[in-house]
Amino acid sequence: MLFEKLYIRMSILKRPRFLYKIFKYYRKFFGEKDPGDLPFNFNSEPSRIEIIQSIIDKKKYSSYLEIGTYQDEVFSKIKCSHKIGVDPFSGGNRRMTSDDFFIQNKEKFDCIFIDGLHHYDQVKKDLKNSISCLNEKGIILIHDCLPKNLSAQAVPRTERDWNGDVWKSLVEQRTKHNTDCYTIYADHGIGVVLKRENKNLLDLNNENFEKLKFQLFYSEHKKIMNILNINDFMKVLDKY
């Protein structure tokens, strides 16, 4: 897992285009067929920074945890009385992997933002660990839940602009009874996990969510992701 994290950082900083091309051609000939692009356009929608801050202010949250701070583009701008940012390479104030952080962590948080390694298995672990240290009436937000096309969600990574297969972890969580999940249509898709009974349980019988195909996302994204615009989500938050 540490190698995968290092690879992601190298992918961004050094742009190993030859690796991208190798993975892209392999996927083209041996992988899933590309159904095309989805008409996502987030240009007129609020940023993740604006959304996180508005939620913190609205609910008067006092503690914030960010998993995956990278260059502090989010962490440095969030205003909250108690902030912890976790990243093994840069940013934040805890230099370690999220796995190591959760092993030693004894705190609970009001708002948790997950934006670390964008692989299903890691996001699943980060989400499970976050739920266990979330205060009652707290909220978990997950970045990059709405990839525009097959390449944007492909693992291994083949594009510089990349969401990973984060969406699969939220789909899996939507099949569970103990959390209520949504996706805000903004900033590449912001998944939301509320600590309450699931109000819209997803009936998807699947034994291995990592093996979900992008074709399912392409054709059923509104249903499986439970997508809301920011105004409608804020109405949900009013009753939480």
Protein backbone atom coordinates (compact mmCIF):
# COMPACT_ATOMS: atom_id res chain seq x y z
CA MET A 1 0.00 0.00 0.00
CA LEU A 2 2.85 2.39 0.68
CA PHE A 3 4.19 1.66 -2.81
CA GLU A 4 0.78 2.53 -4.28
CA LYS A 5 0.72 5.84 -2.38
CA LEU A 6 4.22 6.64 -3.62
CA TYR A 7 3.19 5.78 -7.15
CA ILE A 8 0.28 8.22 -6.97
CA ARG A 9 2.55 11.02 -5.75
CA MET A 10 5.10 10.26 -8.47
CA SER A 11 2.32 10.19 -11.02
CA ILE A 12 1.34 13.74 -10.12
CA LEU A 13 4.78 15.23 -9.60
CA LYS A 14 6.85 13.54 -12.30
CA ARG A 15 4.17 12.64 -14.82
CA PRO A 16 5.48 9.19 -15.92
CA ARG A 17 3.54 9.29 -19.18
CA PHE A 18 5.09 6.06 -20.43
CA LEU A 19 3.50 4.20 -17.48
CA TYR A 20 0.15 5.82 -18.19
CA LYS A 21 0.38 4.69 -21.83
CA ILE A 22 1.29 1.12 -20.89
CA PHE A 23 -1.67 0.79 -18.51
CA LYS A 24 -3.99 2.54 -20.96
CA TYR A 25 -3.14 0.23 -23.85
CA TYR A 26 -3.39 -2.83 -21.61
CA ARG A 27 -6.86 -1.74 -20.48
CA LYS A 28 -7.91 -0.96 -24.06
CA PHE A 29 -7.16 -4.45 -25.29
CA PHE A 30 -7.84 -6.53 -22.18
CA GLY A 31 -10.09 -4.42 -19.98
CA GLU A 32 -13.67 -3.22 -19.84
CA LYS A 33 -15.21 -1.62 -22.91
CA ASP A 34 -15.44 2.18 -22.64
CA PRO A 35 -19.11 3.32 -22.82
CA GLY A 36 -18.11 6.99 -23.31
CA ASP A 37 -18.27 10.20 -21.28
CA LEU A 38 -20.95 11.21 -18.81
CA PRO A 39 -22.23 14.81 -19.08
CA PHE A 40 -20.87 15.95 -15.74
CA ASN A 41 -20.14 19.68 -15.49
CA PHE A 42 -19.18 21.00 -12.08
CA ASN A 43 -18.04 24.48 -13.19
CA SER A 44 -21.04 26.29 -11.73
CA GLU A 45 -21.15 24.19 -8.55
CA PRO A 46 -19.50 25.08 -5.22
CA SER A 47 -16.04 23.71 -4.46
CA ARG A 48 -15.34 21.05 -1.87
CA ILE A 49 -13.77 23.75 0.32
CA GLU A 50 -16.95 25.82 0.23
CA ILE A 51 -19.12 22.79 0.94
CA ILE A 52 -17.03 21.51 3.83
CA GLN A 53 -16.89 24.96 5.43
CA SER A 54 -20.61 25.58 4.99
CA ILE A 55 -21.40 22.25 6.69
CA ILE A 56 -19.02 22.99 9.57
CA ASP A 57 -20.58 26.43 10.05
CA LYS A 58 -24.15 25.22 9.70
CA LYS A 59 -23.78 22.39 12.24
CA LYS A 60 -21.37 24.34 14.47
CA TYR A 61 -18.82 21.54 14.33
CA SER A 62 -15.65 21.98 16.37
CA SER A 63 -13.42 19.09 15.17
CA TYR A 64 -12.24 18.25 11.65
CA LEU A 65 -10.17 15.35 10.31
CA GLU A 66 -8.79 15.25 6.77
CA ILE A 67 -7.36 12.07 5.26
CA GLY A 68 -5.01 12.90 2.37
CA THR A 69 -3.90 16.52 2.61
CA TYR A 70 -1.33 16.54 -0.23
CA GLN A 71 -0.41 20.24 -0.63
CA ASP A 72 -2.93 21.59 1.90
CA GLU A 73 -5.16 23.00 -0.83
CA VAL A 74 -8.15 22.10 1.37
CA PHE A 75 -6.77 21.65 4.88
CA SER A 76 -5.19 25.10 5.11
CA LYS A 77 -8.45 26.83 4.15
CA ILE A 78 -10.87 25.03 6.47
CA LYS A 79 -11.74 26.99 9.60
CA CYS A 80 -12.45 24.78 12.59
CA SER A 81 -11.25 25.03 16.18
CA HIS A 82 -9.56 21.60 16.13
CA LYS A 83 -8.06 20.24 12.90
CA ILE A 84 -6.01 17.13 12.13
CA GLY A 85 -4.66 16.43 8.65
CA VAL A 86 -3.10 13.06 7.84
CA ASP A 87 -0.77 12.37 4.92
CA PRO A 88 2.38 10.22 4.59
CA PHE A 89 4.10 12.70 2.27
CA SER A 90 2.99 16.32 2.59
CA GLY A 91 0.55 18.76 4.15
CA GLY A 92 -1.52 18.41 7.28
CA ASN A 93 -0.03 17.94 10.72
CA ARG A 94 0.28 14.14 11.02
CA ARG A 95 2.97 12.59 8.81
CA MET A 96 1.75 8.99 8.54
CA THR A 97 -0.56 6.72 6.59
CA SER A 98 -4.24 6.76 7.41
CA ASP A 99 -3.98 3.13 8.55
CA ASP A 100 -1.31 4.05 11.10
CA PHE A 101 -3.26 7.09 12.23
CA PHE A 102 -6.45 5.18 12.93
CA ILE A 103 -4.54 2.47 14.82
CA GLN A 104 -3.24 5.01 17.35
CA ASN A 105 -6.13 7.50 17.27
CA LYS A 106 -8.29 7.91 20.36
CA GLU A 107 -10.23 11.03 19.30
CA LYS A 108 -13.67 11.42 17.79
CA PHE A 109 -14.52 14.00 15.13
CA ASP A 110 -17.52 15.98 13.92
CA CYS A 111 -16.47 16.24 10.27
CA ILE A 112 -14.15 13.88 8.38
CA PHE A 113 -13.02 14.47 4.79
CA ILE A 114 -11.55 11.46 2.96
CA ASP A 115 -9.32 12.34 0.01
CA GLY A 116 -6.41 9.90 0.28
CA LEU A 117 -5.46 7.05 -2.03
CA HIS A 118 -8.31 6.76 -4.55
CA HIS A 119 -8.45 2.97 -4.60
CA TYR A 120 -11.61 1.15 -3.55
CA ASP A 121 -9.91 -1.04 -0.94
CA GLN A 122 -8.17 1.88 0.78
CA VAL A 123 -11.24 4.12 0.72
CA LYS A 124 -13.26 1.27 2.18
CA LYS A 125 -10.80 1.00 5.09
CA ASP A 126 -10.68 4.76 5.58
CA LEU A 127 -14.48 4.90 5.60
CA LYS A 128 -14.85 2.05 8.09
CA ASN A 129 -12.27 3.60 10.40
CA SER A 130 -13.84 7.03 10.05
CA ILE A 131 -17.29 5.75 11.01
CA SER A 132 -15.81 4.26 14.18
CA CYS A 133 -14.41 7.63 15.30
CA LEU A 134 -17.29 9.85 14.17
CA ASN A 135 -19.27 11.77 16.77
CA GLU A 136 -23.03 11.38 16.92
CA LYS A 137 -24.56 13.76 14.34
CA GLY A 138 -21.17 13.93 12.66
CA ILE A 139 -20.57 13.71 8.91
CA ILE A 140 -18.10 11.99 6.59
CA LEU A 141 -17.35 13.48 3.16
CA ILE A 142 -15.55 11.57 0.40
CA HIS A 143 -14.04 13.30 -2.62
CA ASP A 144 -14.01 12.09 -6.25
CA CYS A 145 -17.16 9.97 -6.27
CA LEU A 146 -18.35 10.94 -9.77
CA PRO A 147 -15.81 9.97 -12.46
CA LYS A 148 -16.71 11.24 -15.92
CA ASN A 149 -15.46 8.25 -17.88
CA LEU A 150 -13.77 4.87 -17.70
CA SER A 151 -10.26 6.32 -17.78
CA ALA A 152 -10.98 8.68 -14.89
CA GLN A 153 -11.79 5.75 -12.61
CA ALA A 154 -9.33 3.19 -13.93
CA VAL A 155 -6.98 1.40 -11.54
CA PRO A 156 -4.05 1.40 -12.20
CA ARG A 157 -4.10 5.09 -12.98
CA THR A 158 -3.77 6.16 -16.61
CA GLU A 159 -4.68 9.87 -16.46
CA ARG A 160 -3.35 12.92 -14.69
CA ASP A 161 -6.91 14.03 -13.88
CA TRP A 162 -8.08 11.00 -11.97
CA ASN A 163 -10.85 10.03 -9.56
CA GLY A 164 -10.00 6.39 -9.02
CA ASP A 165 -12.69 3.83 -8.17
CA VAL A 166 -13.78 5.67 -5.02
CA TRP A 167 -17.39 5.37 -6.16
CA LYS A 168 -17.43 1.64 -5.45
CA SER A 169 -16.85 2.17 -1.73
CA LEU A 170 -19.84 4.51 -1.46
CA VAL A 171 -22.04 2.11 -3.43
CA GLU A 172 -21.11 -0.65 -1.00
CA GLN A 173 -21.84 1.57 1.99
CA ARG A 174 -25.27 2.36 0.56
CA THR A 175 -26.19 -1.33 0.93
CA LYS A 176 -25.66 -1.17 4.70
CA HIS A 177 -28.35 -0.33 7.27
CA ASN A 178 -26.26 1.66 9.75
CA THR A 179 -25.41 4.73 7.61
CA ASP A 180 -27.32 7.08 5.33
CA CYS A 181 -25.41 7.97 2.15
CA TYR A 182 -25.67 10.56 -0.61
CA THR A 183 -23.53 12.12 -3.31
CA ILE A 184 -23.42 15.89 -3.74
CA TYR A 185 -23.25 16.93 -7.40
CA ALA A 186 -20.22 19.21 -7.08
CA ASP A 187 -16.41 19.14 -7.42
CA HIS A 188 -16.09 15.67 -9.01
CA GLY A 189 -18.71 14.25 -6.66
CA ILE A 190 -18.65 14.51 -2.88
CA GLY A 191 -19.89 11.40 -1.13
CA VAL A 192 -21.71 11.88 2.16
CA VAL A 193 -22.09 9.41 5.00
CA LEU A 194 -24.39 10.26 7.91
CA LYS A 195 -24.37 8.25 11.12
CA ARG A 196 -28.01 7.19 11.17
CA GLU A 197 -30.32 4.52 9.77
CA ASN A 198 -30.20 4.23 5.99
CA LYS A 199 -33.22 6.06 4.56
CA ASN A 200 -32.75 4.81 1.00
CA LEU A 201 -31.17 1.38 1.18
CA LEU A 202 -29.61 0.28 -2.11
CA ASP A 203 -30.70 -3.21 -3.12
CA LEU A 204 -27.59 -4.48 -4.85
CA ASN A 205 -26.62 -8.05 -4.14
CA ASN A 206 -22.91 -8.23 -4.81
CA GLU A 207 -20.17 -10.28 -3.18
CA ASN A 208 -17.20 -8.24 -4.44
CA PHE A 209 -17.78 -4.52 -4.93
CA GLU A 210 -14.24 -4.02 -6.19
CA LYS A 211 -15.29 -5.95 -9.31
CA LEU A 212 -18.17 -3.61 -10.16
CA LYS A 213 -18.01 -2.46 -13.77
CA PHE A 214 -18.00 1.15 -14.91
CA GLN A 215 -20.90 0.26 -17.20
CA LEU A 216 -23.08 -0.03 -14.06
CA PHE A 217 -21.97 3.42 -12.94
CA TYR A 218 -22.47 4.83 -16.43
CA SER A 219 -26.05 3.61 -16.77
CA GLU A 220 -27.22 3.75 -13.13
CA HIS A 221 -25.14 6.48 -11.45
CA LYS A 222 -28.12 8.58 -10.34
CA LYS A 223 -29.65 5.60 -8.56
CA ILE A 224 -26.61 3.88 -7.10
CA MET A 225 -24.91 7.12 -5.96
CA ASN A 226 -28.09 8.78 -4.62
CA ILE A 227 -27.13 12.12 -6.21
CA LEU A 228 -28.42 15.45 -4.86
CA ASN A 229 -27.56 19.03 -5.72
CA ILE A 230 -26.13 21.11 -2.90
CA ASN A 231 -29.40 22.88 -2.08
CA ASP A 232 -31.33 19.64 -1.72
CA PHE A 233 -28.55 18.13 0.39
CA MET A 234 -28.61 21.12 2.74
CA LYS A 235 -32.30 20.42 3.27
CA VAL A 236 -31.39 16.86 4.27
CA LEU A 237 -28.80 18.28 6.66
CA ASP A 238 -31.44 20.53 8.24
CA LYS A 239 -33.17 17.40 9.57
CA TYR A 240 -30.00 15.67 10.77
